[in-house]
Protein backbone atom coordinates (compact mmCIF):
# COMPACT_ATOMS: atom_id res chain seq x y z
CA MET A 1 89.73 85.36 79.51
CA ALA A 2 92.46 86.16 82.00
CA ILE A 3 96.09 85.31 81.32
CA PRO A 4 97.22 82.69 83.88
CA LEU A 5 100.66 82.72 85.47
CA PRO A 6 100.73 79.24 87.05
CA LEU A 7 103.64 77.73 88.96
CA CYS A 8 105.60 74.93 87.37
CA SER A 9 108.28 72.51 88.52
CA PRO A 10 111.78 74.06 88.49
CA SER A 11 114.29 73.21 85.81
CA ASN A 12 117.79 74.59 85.31
CA LEU A 13 118.50 76.43 82.07
CA THR A 14 121.51 78.45 80.95
CA LEU A 15 120.82 82.13 80.35
CA THR A 16 121.21 83.35 76.78
CA PHE A 17 121.95 86.91 75.77
CA ARG A 18 121.79 89.10 72.72
CA PRO A 19 124.51 91.57 71.78
CA ARG A 20 124.51 94.67 73.96
CA LEU A 21 123.05 97.92 72.75
CA GLY A 22 125.39 100.78 71.96
CA LYS A 23 126.37 102.93 74.93
CA GLU A 24 124.31 105.93 73.82
CA ASP A 25 121.24 103.77 73.06
CA PHE A 26 121.57 102.04 76.41
CA ILE A 27 121.82 105.28 78.38
CA TRP A 28 118.88 106.82 76.49
CA ARG A 29 116.67 103.76 76.99
CA ARG A 30 117.57 103.54 80.67
CA LEU A 31 116.81 107.22 81.27
CA SER A 32 113.58 107.06 79.23
CA ARG A 33 112.32 104.01 81.15
CA ARG A 34 113.26 105.52 84.50
CA ALA A 35 111.49 108.77 83.69
CA ALA A 36 108.40 106.96 82.44
CA ILE A 37 108.11 104.78 85.53
CA ILE A 38 108.60 107.75 87.84
CA GLU A 39 105.68 109.38 86.01
CA ILE A 40 103.58 106.21 86.00
CA ALA A 41 101.04 107.57 88.45
CA ALA A 42 100.29 110.57 86.24
CA VAL A 43 97.98 108.63 83.92
CA THR A 44 95.38 106.58 85.80
CA LEU A 45 92.10 105.03 84.77
CA SER A 46 89.53 103.75 87.24
CA LEU A 47 88.57 100.10 86.91
CA THR A 48 85.13 98.92 88.01
CA SER A 49 83.18 95.70 88.27
CA ALA A 50 83.01 95.62 84.48
CA ALA A 51 86.47 94.08 84.70
CA SER A 52 85.11 91.43 87.09
CA ALA A 53 87.58 92.63 89.72
CA ARG A 54 87.01 94.34 93.06
CA VAL A 55 88.82 97.66 93.44
CA SER A 56 90.28 97.82 96.95
CA SER A 57 92.15 101.14 96.67
CA PRO A 58 91.43 104.55 95.07
CA SER A 59 92.17 104.66 91.35
CA ASN A 60 94.50 107.62 91.86
CA ALA A 61 96.53 106.01 94.62
CA PRO A 62 100.26 106.05 93.77
CA LEU A 63 102.30 102.88 93.58
CA ASP A 64 103.86 101.89 96.88
CA GLY A 65 107.32 102.17 95.36
CA ILE A 66 109.82 100.89 92.84
CA SER A 67 113.55 100.26 93.00
CA ASN A 68 116.40 100.92 90.60
CA THR A 69 117.00 97.70 88.63
CA THR A 70 119.92 98.81 86.44
CA SER A 71 122.40 96.73 88.46
CA TRP A 72 120.33 93.55 88.06
CA LEU A 73 121.02 90.89 85.45
CA GLN A 74 119.24 91.74 82.18
CA PHE A 75 117.80 88.69 80.45
CA PHE A 76 117.17 88.89 76.70
CA GLY A 77 114.44 86.66 75.30
CA ASP A 78 112.63 86.40 71.98
CA GLY A 79 111.61 90.01 71.36
CA PHE A 80 111.88 91.25 74.94
CA SER A 81 114.21 91.84 77.85
CA ILE A 82 113.60 91.83 81.59
CA ARG A 83 115.64 92.47 84.73
CA VAL A 84 116.08 89.53 87.11
CA PRO A 85 116.18 90.17 90.88
CA PRO A 86 119.40 89.16 92.68
CA LEU A 87 119.60 85.48 93.70
CA PHE A 88 116.68 84.50 91.46
CA GLU A 89 117.28 81.30 89.48
CA ASP A 90 116.20 80.28 85.99
CA ILE A 91 113.49 77.62 86.33
CA ASN A 92 112.10 77.63 82.79
CA GLU A 93 111.53 74.24 81.19
CA PRO A 94 114.07 73.17 78.55
CA GLU A 95 113.16 72.70 74.90
CA ASP A 96 111.44 69.33 74.34
CA TYR A 97 112.32 68.26 70.81
CA SER A 98 111.22 64.64 71.24
CA ALA A 99 107.59 65.75 71.59
CA GLY A 100 107.54 67.11 68.07
CA GLN A 101 109.27 64.39 66.05
CA SER A 102 107.69 63.89 62.64
CA LEU A 103 108.50 62.98 59.04
CA TYR A 104 109.53 66.58 58.56
CA GLY A 105 112.14 66.57 61.30
CA ASP A 106 112.24 67.60 64.93
CA LYS A 107 110.20 70.52 66.11
CA ALA A 108 110.39 71.91 69.62
CA LYS A 109 107.26 71.69 71.74
CA PRO A 110 106.06 75.25 72.46
CA LYS A 111 107.05 76.33 75.95
CA THR A 112 104.50 77.75 78.35
CA PHE A 113 106.83 80.53 79.44
CA ALA A 114 109.24 82.65 77.43
CA ALA A 115 111.20 83.21 80.67
CA ARG A 116 110.73 82.10 84.27
CA PHE A 117 112.78 82.85 87.37
CA ALA A 118 112.25 82.16 91.06
CA SER A 119 113.73 82.85 94.46
CA PRO A 120 115.84 80.02 95.94
CA ASP A 121 112.86 78.69 97.93
CA ARG A 122 110.53 79.12 94.88
CA SER A 123 108.13 81.24 96.91
CA GLU A 124 108.54 84.27 94.60
CA VAL A 125 108.30 83.88 90.83
CA LEU A 126 108.93 86.16 87.85
CA SER A 127 107.51 84.99 84.51
CA VAL A 128 107.15 86.19 80.95
CA VAL A 129 104.63 84.75 78.50
CA ILE A 130 104.11 85.61 74.84
CA GLN A 131 100.68 85.35 73.24
CA PRO A 132 99.43 86.19 69.72
CA SER A 133 97.31 89.29 70.10
CA ASN A 134 94.42 87.71 68.17
CA LYS A 135 94.13 85.13 70.97
CA LEU A 136 93.52 87.96 73.42
CA LYS A 137 91.04 89.77 71.19
CA LEU A 138 89.62 88.48 67.92
CA THR A 139 90.76 90.72 65.09
CA PHE A 140 91.82 90.38 61.48
CA LEU A 141 94.32 93.22 61.78
CA GLU A 142 97.81 92.89 63.24
CA ALA A 143 97.94 94.72 66.55
CA LYS A 144 100.98 96.97 66.87
CA ASP A 145 100.39 98.49 70.29
CA ILE A 146 98.66 97.32 73.47
CA THR A 147 96.01 100.00 72.92
CA ASP A 148 94.91 98.14 69.78
CA ILE A 149 93.28 95.44 71.92
CA GLY A 150 91.45 97.93 74.11
CA SER A 151 91.83 100.56 76.80
CA LEU A 152 93.36 99.91 80.21
CA LYS A 153 89.88 99.36 81.61
CA GLU A 154 88.73 97.11 78.76
CA SER A 155 91.93 95.04 78.83
CA ALA A 156 91.50 94.30 82.53
CA LYS A 157 88.98 91.67 81.42
CA ILE A 158 91.89 89.92 79.70
CA PHE A 159 94.67 90.32 82.25
CA VAL A 160 92.94 90.43 85.65
CA PRO A 161 91.17 87.26 86.85
CA GLY A 162 87.54 87.56 87.83
CA GLY A 163 87.05 88.10 91.55
CA ALA A 164 90.54 89.51 92.10
CA ASN A 165 91.15 92.46 94.41
CA LEU A 166 92.58 95.16 92.16
CA TYR A 167 95.13 97.34 93.97
CA ALA A 168 96.42 99.48 91.09
CA ALA A 169 96.10 99.95 87.34
CA ARG A 170 98.24 102.27 85.24
CA THR A 171 99.16 102.98 81.66
CA TYR A 172 102.55 104.43 80.74
CA ARG A 173 104.53 105.13 77.59
CA ILE A 174 108.25 104.73 76.93
CA LYS A 175 110.18 106.13 73.99
CA GLU A 176 111.88 103.29 72.15
CA ASN A 177 113.53 103.55 68.73
CA GLU A 178 112.20 107.06 68.08
CA ALA A 179 108.62 106.01 68.83
CA PHE A 180 106.52 105.62 71.97
CA ARG A 181 105.31 102.24 73.16
CA THR A 182 102.41 101.90 75.59
CA TYR A 183 102.40 99.44 78.49
CA TYR A 184 99.58 98.44 80.84
CA PHE A 185 100.29 97.73 84.51
CA TYR A 186 97.97 95.90 86.90
CA GLU A 187 98.53 94.88 90.49
CA PHE A 188 96.03 92.60 92.18
CA GLY A 189 95.53 89.87 94.74
CA ILE A 190 93.70 86.56 94.42
CA ASP A 191 93.64 83.35 96.48
CA GLY A 192 96.29 84.64 98.88
CA GLN A 193 98.68 85.57 96.07
CA HIS A 194 99.81 89.09 95.15
CA ILE A 195 100.62 89.71 91.47
CA ALA A 196 102.16 92.61 89.54
CA LEU A 197 101.56 92.31 85.79
CA VAL A 198 102.83 94.36 82.85
CA ALA A 199 101.71 93.93 79.23
CA GLY A 200 103.17 95.37 76.05
CA LEU A 201 102.60 94.51 72.40
CA ASP A 202 104.44 94.57 69.08
CA SER A 203 103.85 93.04 65.65
CA GLY A 204 100.87 90.98 66.70
CA LYS A 205 102.47 89.54 69.83
CA ALA A 206 101.63 90.43 73.42
CA TYR A 207 104.48 90.26 75.94
CA ILE A 208 103.28 89.81 79.52
CA SER A 209 105.47 89.84 82.62
CA GLY A 210 104.16 88.78 86.00
CA ALA A 211 105.76 88.77 89.44
CA THR A 212 103.97 86.83 92.16
CA ALA A 213 104.34 85.96 95.84
CA SER A 214 102.08 85.36 98.80
CA GLU A 215 100.48 88.44 100.37
CA VAL A 216 102.65 87.89 103.44
CA GLU A 217 105.91 87.81 101.46
CA TRP A 218 104.81 90.77 99.35
CA LYS A 219 104.96 92.97 102.44
CA ASP A 220 108.74 92.45 102.53
CA ASP A 221 109.61 92.02 98.84
CA GLY A 222 106.79 93.77 97.00
CA ILE A 223 108.90 96.69 95.79
CA LYS A 224 111.49 94.31 94.35
CA LEU A 225 108.88 92.14 92.61
CA ARG A 226 106.91 95.10 91.26
CA SER A 227 110.12 96.61 89.90
CA ALA A 228 111.02 93.33 88.20
CA ALA A 229 107.66 93.19 86.41
CA LEU A 230 107.96 96.85 85.37
CA SER A 231 111.40 96.21 83.88
CA LEU A 232 109.84 94.38 80.91
CA THR A 233 110.94 95.94 77.62
CA VAL A 234 109.54 94.94 74.24
CA LEU A 235 112.43 95.10 71.78
């Protein structure tokens, strides 16, 4: 089962923010994330047809590049944060309370995306979805880290669609709150689209960011989109 990142019709939504971290915490987290991403190519696992994806580049090939995102808007969602590329607009659907009216009061209809942003022409999209970890892999235990649902290679069956051309796959760790959290990164192409995907996990919830554009547009904006996906932080 691969996690889909479909397009949806745009809808305006006001950004919401959580209180800022302390200055020392912010600087430490920023430096830790930067260092981890710079070292991302150090830990690499080869993915094969077992993941139902075609590897089109050597498993030890470095990422084409990333950019510094610290000047970008930082969006805080439910249990995560992510950096939004300049000029991208919020297109996430608003809460639909009417869909859940009952004798027990209104209840919001679950949204497909926890966050969703797009370029002005909607040709480039950045999304975040949240899934219970037991929907990704059947287990009676609460997963606390992405490694609990499998290795980078095993988890490709979950995150990379069958038949995709896999360009890169990496695992990296970032020190957060005195402990290390593991993230999986996949970059692949399918049906003319190029996708960069990052997955992290905490307390039984998987947080998945995906940046997508056509293969043609990726040639110009790939570094920006890849960097946006990599900016995902599980809080």
